[in-house]
Amino acid sequence: MSRLLTDEEIERQLGDLPGWTRDGDEISASYEAPDFPTAIRLVDEVAIEAEDMGHHPDIDIRWRTVKFVLSTHSEGGLTQLDVELAHRVAQASTRFGATTGG
């Protein structure tokens, strides 16, 4: 089990995650891929990472825009798992040429 992060820890770590914002017990970011097939490949890449971690995001895809929402529901808030997965999402997005703010 992962412990809940403090507000200070969350804000500090979000500073290293451009495009990610906090809304209560969730962090989220939207990425705009160059085209629809690339957006699907991004989702597939993140799905593999999430499965390896045993920590799964909520994902919404609208044409080229993919929104990821993270929270550790079993702990009732945000944990280090959410921050780590957010970093992996950001890295995958960079590899696929997706940019934040879609």
Protein backbone atom coordinates (compact mmCIF):
# COMPACT_ATOMS: atom_id res chain seq x y z
CA MET A 1 0.00 0.00 0.00
CA SER A 2 1.12 3.51 -0.76
CA ARG A 3 0.63 6.33 1.70
CA LEU A 4 -1.29 9.45 0.78
CA LEU A 5 0.87 12.40 -0.22
CA THR A 6 0.60 15.69 1.64
CA ASP A 7 -0.63 18.79 -0.17
CA GLU A 8 2.92 20.15 -0.09
CA GLU A 9 4.36 16.96 -1.62
CA ILE A 10 1.75 16.97 -4.37
CA GLU A 11 2.32 20.61 -5.31
CA ARG A 12 6.10 20.20 -5.27
CA GLN A 13 5.99 17.11 -7.48
CA LEU A 14 3.50 18.66 -9.91
CA GLY A 15 6.15 21.32 -10.49
CA ASP A 16 8.11 18.64 -12.38
CA LEU A 17 5.08 17.68 -14.50
CA PRO A 18 4.20 20.47 -16.95
CA GLY A 19 0.55 20.36 -17.99
CA TRP A 20 -0.57 18.33 -14.98
CA THR A 21 -3.05 19.88 -12.55
CA ARG A 22 -4.70 18.83 -9.35
CA ASP A 23 -8.42 18.73 -8.74
CA GLY A 24 -9.13 17.42 -5.25
CA ASP A 25 -7.99 13.80 -5.02
CA GLU A 26 -6.99 13.57 -8.70
CA ILE A 27 -4.28 14.82 -11.00
CA SER A 28 -4.87 15.13 -14.72
CA ALA A 29 -3.37 16.24 -18.00
CA SER A 30 -4.47 16.33 -21.61
CA TYR A 31 -2.12 15.64 -24.50
CA GLU A 32 -2.69 16.41 -28.15
CA ALA A 33 -1.14 13.85 -30.48
CA PRO A 34 -0.19 14.61 -34.09
CA ASP A 35 -3.05 12.42 -35.36
CA PHE A 36 -5.64 9.87 -34.23
CA PRO A 37 -3.52 6.74 -34.81
CA THR A 38 -0.72 8.27 -32.72
CA ALA A 39 -3.18 9.07 -29.94
CA ILE A 40 -4.23 5.41 -29.92
CA ARG A 41 -0.59 4.29 -29.79
CA LEU A 42 -0.06 6.64 -26.83
CA VAL A 43 -3.00 5.08 -25.00
CA ASP A 44 -1.63 1.61 -25.76
CA GLU A 45 1.83 2.54 -24.45
CA VAL A 46 0.39 3.99 -21.25
CA ALA A 47 -1.83 0.92 -20.81
CA ILE A 48 1.26 -1.30 -20.85
CA GLU A 49 3.05 0.93 -18.32
CA ALA A 50 -0.04 1.04 -16.09
CA GLU A 51 -0.47 -2.73 -16.22
CA ASP A 52 3.19 -3.22 -15.28
CA MET A 53 2.67 -0.91 -12.29
CA GLY A 54 -0.68 -2.41 -11.33
CA HIS A 55 -2.03 1.16 -11.27
CA HIS A 56 -4.56 2.17 -13.90
CA PRO A 57 -5.59 5.66 -15.04
CA ASP A 58 -8.91 6.89 -16.29
CA ILE A 59 -8.41 7.67 -19.98
CA ASP A 60 -10.62 9.73 -22.26
CA ILE A 61 -9.79 10.03 -25.96
CA ARG A 62 -11.37 12.54 -28.31
CA TRP A 63 -9.85 12.43 -31.80
CA ARG A 64 -6.22 13.53 -31.17
CA THR A 65 -6.68 14.60 -27.55
CA VAL A 66 -6.08 12.12 -24.75
CA LYS A 67 -6.89 13.02 -21.15
CA PHE A 68 -5.38 11.02 -18.29
CA VAL A 69 -6.81 11.21 -14.76
CA LEU A 70 -4.94 9.60 -11.87
CA SER A 71 -5.89 8.82 -8.29
CA THR A 72 -5.26 5.94 -5.92
CA HIS A 73 -8.88 5.07 -5.19
CA SER A 74 -7.95 2.31 -2.75
CA GLU A 75 -6.16 4.90 -0.58
CA GLY A 76 -8.72 7.66 -1.09
CA GLY A 77 -6.41 10.19 -2.70
CA LEU A 78 -3.04 10.79 -4.31
CA THR A 79 0.00 8.60 -3.72
CA GLN A 80 3.47 8.29 -5.20
CA LEU A 81 2.03 5.75 -7.66
CA ASP A 82 0.03 8.57 -9.27
CA VAL A 83 3.08 10.80 -9.60
CA GLU A 84 5.19 7.97 -11.03
CA LEU A 85 2.53 7.07 -13.58
CA ALA A 86 2.14 10.75 -14.51
CA HIS A 87 5.88 10.87 -15.26
CA ARG A 88 5.56 7.75 -17.41
CA VAL A 89 2.61 9.29 -19.28
CA ALA A 90 4.61 12.47 -19.87
CA GLN A 91 7.61 10.50 -21.15
CA ALA A 92 5.46 8.41 -23.50
CA SER A 93 3.74 11.56 -24.75
CA THR A 94 7.10 13.11 -25.59
CA ARG A 95 8.16 9.98 -27.50
CA PHE A 96 4.95 10.16 -29.57
CA GLY A 97 5.18 13.90 -30.23
CA ALA A 98 2.10 14.72 -28.15
CA THR A 99 1.94 18.08 -26.41
CA THR A 100 0.07 19.19 -23.28
CA GLY A 101 -2.98 21.37 -23.38
CA GLY A 102 -5.19 19.52 -25.88
